[in-house]
C-alpha cells in the first residue's frame, strides 16, 4: 500500500465519520430542543418528570444513528 492509496482510504473513512457526526448533530439538536421546550412547559410539575425527560433525551442521542440506519433499511421512501 503506497501513500496515495492510504490517503484515499483515510479520506473516504473521514467522509463517512463526518457524515455520521453531522447527522447526530442535527438530530440531537432537534431532540434536545423539543425536550427543552417540553421541560419549560412542565416547569411547575414534579422535578422527577423533567429529569426523566432529560435522561431519556441524552440516552437517545447515541441511538439516533442506529434508528436512521434501521429506517433506511426497511424500505421507506426517500425524497428525490
PDB file of N, CA and C in Angstrom:
ATOM      1  N   UNK A   1       0.852  -1.173   0.000  1.00  0.00           N
ATOM      2  CA  UNK A   1       0.000   0.000   0.000  1.00  0.00           C
ATOM      3  C   UNK A   1       0.901   1.240   0.000  1.00  0.00           C
ATOM      4  N   UNK A   2       0.715   2.068  -0.987  1.00  0.00           N
ATOM      5  CA  UNK A   2       1.518   3.280  -1.043  1.00  0.00           C
ATOM      6  C   UNK A   2       0.794   4.429  -0.350  1.00  0.00           C
ATOM      7  N   UNK A   3       1.457   5.555  -0.295  1.00  0.00           N
ATOM      8  CA  UNK A   3       0.926   6.707   0.422  1.00  0.00           C
ATOM      9  C   UNK A   3      -0.351   7.237  -0.217  1.00  0.00           C
ATOM     10  N   UNK A   4      -0.407   7.229  -1.524  1.00  0.00           N
ATOM     11  CA  UNK A   4      -1.576   7.760  -2.221  1.00  0.00           C
ATOM     12  C   UNK A   4      -2.836   6.941  -1.914  1.00  0.00           C
ATOM     13  N   UNK A   5      -2.731   5.634  -1.960  1.00  0.00           N
ATOM     14  CA  UNK A   5      -3.906   4.803  -1.676  1.00  0.00           C
ATOM     15  C   UNK A   5      -4.302   4.882  -0.200  1.00  0.00           C
ATOM     16  N   UNK A   6      -3.314   5.038   0.676  1.00  0.00           N
ATOM     17  CA  UNK A   6      -3.622   5.190   2.097  1.00  0.00           C
ATOM     18  C   UNK A   6      -4.375   6.495   2.347  1.00  0.00           C
ATOM     19  N   UNK A   7      -3.968   7.565   1.667  1.00  0.00           N
ATOM     20  CA  UNK A   7      -4.657   8.843   1.825  1.00  0.00           C
ATOM     21  C   UNK A   7      -6.074   8.792   1.267  1.00  0.00           C
ATOM     22  N   UNK A   8      -6.261   8.091   0.160  1.00  0.00           N
ATOM     23  CA  UNK A   8      -7.602   7.947  -0.411  1.00  0.00           C
ATOM     24  C   UNK A   8      -8.498   7.170   0.548  1.00  0.00           C
ATOM     25  N   UNK A   9      -7.958   6.124   1.148  1.00  0.00           N
ATOM     26  CA  UNK A   9      -8.736   5.331   2.098  1.00  0.00           C
ATOM     27  C   UNK A   9      -9.082   6.152   3.346  1.00  0.00           C
ATOM     28  N   UNK A  10      -8.121   6.920   3.858  1.00  0.00           N
ATOM     29  CA  UNK A  10      -8.399   7.775   5.010  1.00  0.00           C
ATOM     30  C   UNK A  10      -9.423   8.851   4.676  1.00  0.00           C
ATOM     31  N   UNK A  11      -9.366   9.376   3.447  1.00  0.00           N
ATOM     32  CA  UNK A  11     -10.325  10.394   3.035  1.00  0.00           C
ATOM     33  C   UNK A  11     -11.736   9.822   2.994  1.00  0.00           C
ATOM     34  N   UNK A  12     -11.885   8.623   2.477  1.00  0.00           N
ATOM     35  CA  UNK A  12     -13.224   8.027   2.412  1.00  0.00           C
ATOM     36  C   UNK A  12     -13.740   7.687   3.810  1.00  0.00           C
ATOM     37  N   UNK A  13     -12.864   7.218   4.691  1.00  0.00           N
ATOM     38  CA  UNK A  13     -13.284   6.938   6.063  1.00  0.00           C
ATOM     39  C   UNK A  13     -13.648   8.227   6.793  1.00  0.00           C
ATOM     40  N   UNK A  14     -12.882   9.284   6.561  1.00  0.00           N
ATOM     41  CA  UNK A  14     -13.181  10.569   7.182  1.00  0.00           C
ATOM     42  C   UNK A  14     -14.517  11.117   6.725  1.00  0.00           C
ATOM     43  N   UNK A  15     -14.840  10.918   5.439  1.00  0.00           N
ATOM     44  CA  UNK A  15     -16.129  11.373   4.923  1.00  0.00           C
ATOM     45  C   UNK A  15     -17.270  10.646   5.622  1.00  0.00           C
ATOM     46  N   UNK A  16     -17.137   9.352   5.807  1.00  0.00           N
ATOM     47  CA  UNK A  16     -18.180   8.564   6.474  1.00  0.00           C
ATOM     48  C   UNK A  16     -18.348   9.019   7.923  1.00  0.00           C
ATOM     49  N   UNK A  17     -17.234   9.218   8.622  1.00  0.00           N
ATOM     50  CA  UNK A  17     -17.293   9.646  10.022  1.00  0.00           C
ATOM     51  C   UNK A  17     -17.937  11.027  10.139  1.00  0.00           C
ATOM     52  N   UNK A  18     -17.561  11.955   9.269  1.00  0.00           N
ATOM     53  CA  UNK A  18     -18.140  13.298   9.323  1.00  0.00           C
ATOM     54  C   UNK A  18     -19.632  13.282   8.989  1.00  0.00           C
ATOM     55  N   UNK A  19     -20.033  12.427   8.058  1.00  0.00           N
ATOM     56  CA  UNK A  19     -21.455  12.321   7.725  1.00  0.00           C
ATOM     57  C   UNK A  19     -22.251  11.830   8.934  1.00  0.00           C
ATOM     58  N   UNK A  20     -21.714  10.857   9.649  1.00  0.00           N
ATOM     59  CA  UNK A  20     -22.385  10.338  10.841  1.00  0.00           C
ATOM     60  C   UNK A  20     -22.440  11.401  11.937  1.00  0.00           C
ATOM     61  N   UNK A  21     -21.324  12.106  12.151  1.00  0.00           N
ATOM     62  CA  UNK A  21     -21.293  13.128  13.195  1.00  0.00           C
ATOM     63  C   UNK A  21     -22.235  14.289  12.895  1.00  0.00           C
ATOM     64  N   UNK A  22     -22.301  14.717  11.641  1.00  0.00           N
ATOM     65  CA  UNK A  22     -23.232  15.790  11.287  1.00  0.00           C
ATOM     66  C   UNK A  22     -24.682  15.332  11.413  1.00  0.00           C
ATOM     67  N   UNK A  23     -24.931  14.074  11.100  1.00  0.00           N
ATOM     68  CA  UNK A  23     -26.278  13.526  11.269  1.00  0.00           C
ATOM     69  C   UNK A  23     -26.674  13.527  12.742  1.00  0.00           C
ATOM     70  N   UNK A  24     -25.762  13.100  13.603  1.00  0.00           N
ATOM     71  CA  UNK A  24     -26.030  13.106  15.040  1.00  0.00           C
ATOM     72  C   UNK A  24     -26.248  14.536  15.526  1.00  0.00           C
ATOM     73  N   UNK A  25     -25.484  15.482  14.988  1.00  0.00           N
ATOM     74  CA  UNK A  25     -25.592  16.867  15.436  1.00  0.00           C
ATOM     75  C   UNK A  25     -26.975  17.450  15.171  1.00  0.00           C
ATOM     76  N   UNK A  26     -27.483  17.316  13.945  1.00  0.00           N
ATOM     77  CA  UNK A  26     -28.777  17.942  13.674  1.00  0.00           C
ATOM     78  C   UNK A  26     -29.922  17.181  14.327  1.00  0.00           C
ATOM     79  N   UNK A  27     -29.815  15.853  14.398  1.00  0.00           N
ATOM     80  CA  UNK A  27     -30.885  15.085  15.027  1.00  0.00           C
ATOM     81  C   UNK A  27     -30.937  15.329  16.538  1.00  0.00           C
ATOM     82  N   UNK A  28     -29.773  15.383  17.168  1.00  0.00           N
ATOM     83  CA  UNK A  28     -29.757  15.624  18.612  1.00  0.00           C
ATOM     84  C   UNK A  28     -30.191  17.047  18.934  1.00  0.00           C
ATOM     85  N   UNK A  29     -29.914  17.990  18.041  1.00  0.00           N
ATOM     86  CA  UNK A  29     -30.382  19.364  18.263  1.00  0.00           C
ATOM     87  C   UNK A  29     -31.903  19.421  18.289  1.00  0.00           C
ATOM     88  N   UNK A  30     -32.532  18.692  17.397  1.00  0.00           N
ATOM     89  CA  UNK A  30     -33.997  18.658  17.372  1.00  0.00           C
ATOM     90  C   UNK A  30     -34.544  17.993  18.635  1.00  0.00           C
ATOM     91  N   UNK A  31     -33.958  16.867  19.020  1.00  0.00           N
ATOM     92  CA  UNK A  31     -34.427  16.149  20.216  1.00  0.00           C
ATOM     93  C   UNK A  31     -34.247  17.013  21.461  1.00  0.00           C
ATOM     94  N   UNK A  32     -33.061  17.595  21.627  1.00  0.00           N
ATOM     95  CA  UNK A  32     -32.807  18.398  22.822  1.00  0.00           C
ATOM     96  C   UNK A  32     -33.635  19.682  22.831  1.00  0.00           C
ATOM     97  N   UNK A  33     -33.857  20.263  21.671  1.00  0.00           N
ATOM     98  CA  UNK A  33     -34.722  21.445  21.606  1.00  0.00           C
ATOM     99  C   UNK A  33     -36.150  21.125  21.998  1.00  0.00           C
ATOM    100  N   UNK A  34     -36.659  20.004  21.496  1.00  0.00           N
ATOM    101  CA  UNK A  34     -38.025  19.595  21.837  1.00  0.00           C
ATOM    102  C   UNK A  34     -38.149  19.284  23.326  1.00  0.00           C
ATOM    103  N   UNK A  35     -37.154  18.615  23.888  1.00  0.00           N
ATOM    104  CA  UNK A  35     -37.195  18.306  25.320  1.00  0.00           C
ATOM    105  C   UNK A  35     -37.057  19.584  26.143  1.00  0.00           C
ATOM    106  N   UNK A  36     -36.257  20.528  25.667  1.00  0.00           N
ATOM    107  CA  UNK A  36     -36.137  21.804  26.368  1.00  0.00           C
ATOM    108  C   UNK A  36     -37.457  22.551  26.422  1.00  0.00           C
ATOM    109  N   UNK A  37     -38.165  22.574  25.300  1.00  0.00           N
ATOM    110  CA  UNK A  37     -39.482  23.223  25.270  1.00  0.00           C
ATOM    111  C   UNK A  37     -40.458  22.493  26.187  1.00  0.00           C
ATOM    112  N   UNK A  38     -40.435  21.164  26.126  1.00  0.00           N
ATOM    113  CA  UNK A  38     -41.330  20.380  26.976  1.00  0.00           C
ATOM    114  C   UNK A  38     -41.000  20.574  28.456  1.00  0.00           C
ATOM    115  N   UNK A  39     -39.714  20.621  28.792  1.00  0.00           N
ATOM    116  CA  UNK A  39     -39.323  20.848  30.186  1.00  0.00           C
ATOM    117  C   UNK A  39     -39.741  22.241  30.645  1.00  0.00           C
ATOM    118  N   UNK A  40     -39.670  23.206  29.741  1.00  0.00           N
ATOM    119  CA  UNK A  40     -40.127  24.559  30.093  1.00  0.00           C
ATOM    120  C   UNK A  40     -41.631  24.567  30.365  1.00  0.00           C
ATOM    121  N   UNK A  41     -42.372  23.859  29.537  1.00  0.00           N
ATOM    122  CA  UNK A  41     -43.820  23.803  29.740  1.00  0.00           C
ATOM    123  C   UNK A  41     -44.191  23.065  31.025  1.00  0.00           C
ATOM    124  N   UNK A  42     -43.334  22.145  31.445  1.00  0.00           N
ATOM    125  CA  UNK A  42     -43.590  21.362  32.664  1.00  0.00           C
ATOM    126  C   UNK A  42     -42.837  21.917  33.873  1.00  0.00           C
ATOM    127  N   UNK A  43     -42.440  23.180  33.837  1.00  0.00           N
ATOM    128  CA  UNK A  43     -41.602  23.741  34.899  1.00  0.00           C
ATOM    129  C   UNK A  43     -42.284  23.768  36.265  1.00  0.00           C
ATOM    130  N   UNK A  44     -43.594  23.751  36.302  1.00  0.00           N
ATOM    131  CA  UNK A  44     -44.310  23.771  37.585  1.00  0.00           C
ATOM    132  C   UNK A  44     -44.719  22.379  38.048  1.00  0.00           C
ATOM    133  N   UNK A  45     -44.336  21.362  37.315  1.00  0.00           N
ATOM    134  CA  UNK A  45     -44.691  19.985  37.675  1.00  0.00           C
ATOM    135  C   UNK A  45     -43.574  19.363  38.512  1.00  0.00           C
ATOM    136  N   UNK A  46     -43.715  18.101  38.775  1.00  0.00           N
ATOM    137  CA  UNK A  46     -42.745  17.369  39.586  1.00  0.00           C
ATOM    138  C   UNK A  46     -41.386  17.347  38.875  1.00  0.00           C
ATOM    139  N   UNK A  47     -40.325  17.593  39.638  1.00  0.00           N
ATOM    140  CA  UNK A  47     -38.984  17.645  39.059  1.00  0.00           C
ATOM    141  C   UNK A  47     -38.555  16.314  38.463  1.00  0.00           C
ATOM    142  N   UNK A  48     -39.001  15.226  39.045  1.00  0.00           N
ATOM    143  CA  UNK A  48     -38.571  13.915  38.558  1.00  0.00           C
ATOM    144  C   UNK A  48     -39.035  13.664  37.123  1.00  0.00           C
ATOM    145  N   UNK A  49     -40.164  14.242  36.742  1.00  0.00           N
ATOM    146  CA  UNK A  49     -40.646  14.090  35.366  1.00  0.00           C
ATOM    147  C   UNK A  49     -39.703  14.802  34.406  1.00  0.00           C
ATOM    148  N   UNK A  50     -39.294  16.022  34.779  1.00  0.00           N
ATOM    149  CA  UNK A  50     -38.362  16.768  33.925  1.00  0.00           C
ATOM    150  C   UNK A  50     -37.011  16.069  33.849  1.00  0.00           C
ATOM    151  N   UNK A  51     -36.532  15.569  34.960  1.00  0.00           N
ATOM    152  CA  UNK A  51     -35.260  14.855  34.955  1.00  0.00           C
ATOM    153  C   UNK A  51     -35.341  13.603  34.088  1.00  0.00           C
ATOM    154  N   UNK A  52     -36.446  12.892  34.178  1.00  0.00           N
ATOM    155  CA  UNK A  52     -36.624  11.691  33.353  1.00  0.00           C
ATOM    156  C   UNK A  52     -36.638  12.044  31.870  1.00  0.00           C
ATOM    157  N   UNK A  53     -37.251  13.179  31.522  1.00  0.00           N
ATOM    158  CA  UNK A  53     -37.237  13.631  30.124  1.00  0.00           C
ATOM    159  C   UNK A  53     -35.816  13.894  29.645  1.00  0.00           C
ATOM    160  N   UNK A  54     -35.040  14.609  30.460  1.00  0.00           N
ATOM    161  CA  UNK A  54     -33.667  14.922  30.059  1.00  0.00           C
ATOM    162  C   UNK A  54     -32.810  13.658  29.960  1.00  0.00           C
ATOM    163  N   UNK A  55     -32.982  12.745  30.895  1.00  0.00           N
ATOM    164  CA  UNK A  55     -32.213  11.496  30.849  1.00  0.00           C
ATOM    165  C   UNK A  55     -32.575  10.694  29.607  1.00  0.00           C
ATOM    166  N   UNK A  56     -33.857  10.613  29.296  1.00  0.00           N
ATOM    167  CA  UNK A  56     -34.286   9.882  28.097  1.00  0.00           C
ATOM    168  C   UNK A  56     -33.728  10.534  26.836  1.00  0.00           C
ATOM    169  N   UNK A  57     -33.698  11.854  26.804  1.00  0.00           N
ATOM    170  CA  UNK A  57     -33.166  12.552  25.633  1.00  0.00           C
ATOM    171  C   UNK A  57     -31.674  12.298  25.477  1.00  0.00           C
ATOM    172  N   UNK A  58     -30.941  12.366  26.571  1.00  0.00           N
ATOM    173  CA  UNK A  58     -29.489  12.168  26.499  1.00  0.00           C
ATOM    174  C   UNK A  58     -29.159  10.725  26.143  1.00  0.00           C
ATOM    175  N   UNK A  59     -29.927   9.781  26.659  1.00  0.00           N
ATOM    176  CA  UNK A  59     -29.686   8.375  26.323  1.00  0.00           C
ATOM    177  C   UNK A  59     -30.046   8.089  24.870  1.00  0.00           C
ATOM    178  N   UNK A  60     -31.031   8.803  24.335  1.00  0.00           N
ATOM    179  CA  UNK A  60     -31.456   8.538  22.953  1.00  0.00           C
ATOM    180  C   UNK A  60     -30.475   9.061  21.910  1.00  0.00           C
ATOM    181  N   UNK A  61     -29.610   9.988  22.271  1.00  0.00           N
ATOM    182  CA  UNK A  61     -28.705  10.585  21.282  1.00  0.00           C
ATOM    183  C   UNK A  61     -27.781   9.549  20.632  1.00  0.00           C
ATOM    184  N   UNK A  62     -27.127   8.657  21.365  1.00  0.00           N
ATOM    185  CA  UNK A  62     -26.291   7.659  20.679  1.00  0.00           C
ATOM    186  C   UNK A  62     -27.090   6.654  19.848  1.00  0.00           C
ATOM    187  N   UNK A  63     -28.381   6.530  20.126  1.00  0.00           N
ATOM    188  CA  UNK A  63     -29.221   5.574  19.403  1.00  0.00           C
ATOM    189  C   UNK A  63     -29.708   6.147  18.070  1.00  0.00           C
ATOM    190  N   UNK A  64     -29.679   7.463  17.907  1.00  0.00           N
ATOM    191  CA  UNK A  64     -30.204   8.105  16.704  1.00  0.00           C
ATOM    192  C   UNK A  64     -29.591   7.577  15.404  1.00  0.00           C
ATOM    193  N   UNK A  65     -28.265   7.382  15.309  1.00  0.00           N
ATOM    194  CA  UNK A  65     -27.730   6.830  14.051  1.00  0.00           C
ATOM    195  C   UNK A  65     -28.237   5.419  13.760  1.00  0.00           C
ATOM    196  N   UNK A  66     -28.435   4.634  14.802  1.00  0.00           N
ATOM    197  CA  UNK A  66     -28.963   3.280  14.595  1.00  0.00           C
ATOM    198  C   UNK A  66     -30.395   3.329  14.088  1.00  0.00           C
ATOM    199  N   UNK A  67     -31.187   4.253  14.614  1.00  0.00           N
ATOM    200  CA  UNK A  67     -32.561   4.402  14.134  1.00  0.00           C
ATOM    201  C   UNK A  67     -32.583   4.868  12.684  1.00  0.00           C
ATOM    202  N   UNK A  68     -31.711   5.803  12.347  1.00  0.00           N
ATOM    203  CA  UNK A  68     -31.633   6.288  10.969  1.00  0.00           C
ATOM    204  C   UNK A  68     -31.251   5.157  10.028  1.00  0.00           C
ATOM    205  N   UNK A  69     -30.272   4.373  10.428  1.00  0.00           N
ATOM    206  CA  UNK A  69     -29.830   3.251   9.602  1.00  0.00           C
ATOM    207  C   UNK A  69     -30.950   2.220   9.466  1.00  0.00           C
ATOM    208  N   UNK A  70     -31.648   1.930  10.567  1.00  0.00           N
ATOM    209  CA  UNK A  70     -32.731   0.951  10.530  1.00  0.00           C
ATOM    210  C   UNK A  70     -33.880   1.388   9.647  1.00  0.00           C
ATOM    211  N   UNK A  71     -34.231   2.663   9.715  1.00  0.00           N
ATOM    212  CA  UNK A  71     -35.318   3.172   8.876  1.00  0.00           C
ATOM    213  C   UNK A  71     -34.927   3.106   7.408  1.00  0.00           C
ATOM    214  N   UNK A  72     -33.662   3.371   7.099  1.00  0.00           N
ATOM    215  CA  UNK A  72     -33.237   3.319   5.700  1.00  0.00           C
ATOM    216  C   UNK A  72     -33.230   1.886   5.165  1.00  0.00           C
ATOM    217  N   UNK A  73     -33.096   0.913   6.040  1.00  0.00           N
ATOM    218  CA  UNK A  73     -33.031  -0.484   5.601  1.00  0.00           C
ATOM    219  C   UNK A  73     -34.393  -1.152   5.477  1.00  0.00           C
ATOM    220  N   UNK A  74     -35.462  -0.566   6.041  1.00  0.00           N
ATOM    221  CA  UNK A  74     -36.764  -1.237   5.981  1.00  0.00           C
ATOM    222  C   UNK A  74     -37.563  -0.865   4.744  1.00  0.00           C
ATOM    223  N   UNK A  75     -36.980  -0.067   3.871  1.00  0.00           N
ATOM    224  CA  UNK A  75     -37.632   0.208   2.600  1.00  0.00           C
ATOM    225  C   UNK A  75     -38.538   1.411   2.592  1.00  0.00           C
ATOM    226  N   UNK A  76     -38.248   2.395   3.423  1.00  0.00           N
ATOM    227  CA  UNK A  76     -39.051   3.614   3.387  1.00  0.00           C
ATOM    228  C   UNK A  76     -38.705   4.433   2.152  1.00  0.00           C
ATOM    229  N   UNK A  77     -39.661   5.227   1.706  1.00  0.00           N
ATOM    230  CA  UNK A  77     -39.433   6.051   0.527  1.00  0.00           C
ATOM    231  C   UNK A  77     -38.515   7.217   0.858  1.00  0.00           C
ATOM    232  N   UNK A  78     -37.725   7.619  -0.130  1.00  0.00           N
ATOM    233  CA  UNK A  78     -36.827   8.753   0.030  1.00  0.00           C
ATOM    234  C   UNK A  78     -37.270   9.885  -0.870  1.00  0.00           C
ATOM    235  N   UNK A  79     -36.944  11.088  -0.455  1.00  0.00           N
ATOM    236  CA  UNK A  79     -37.218  12.245  -1.295  1.00  0.00           C
ATOM    237  C   UNK A  79     -36.262  12.251  -2.477  1.00  0.00           C
ATOM    238  N   UNK A  80     -36.762  12.688  -3.617  1.00  0.00           N
ATOM    239  CA  UNK A  80     -35.896  12.733  -4.802  1.00  0.00           C
ATOM    240  C   UNK A  80     -35.539  14.145  -5.150  1.00  0.00           C
TER     241      UNK A  80
END
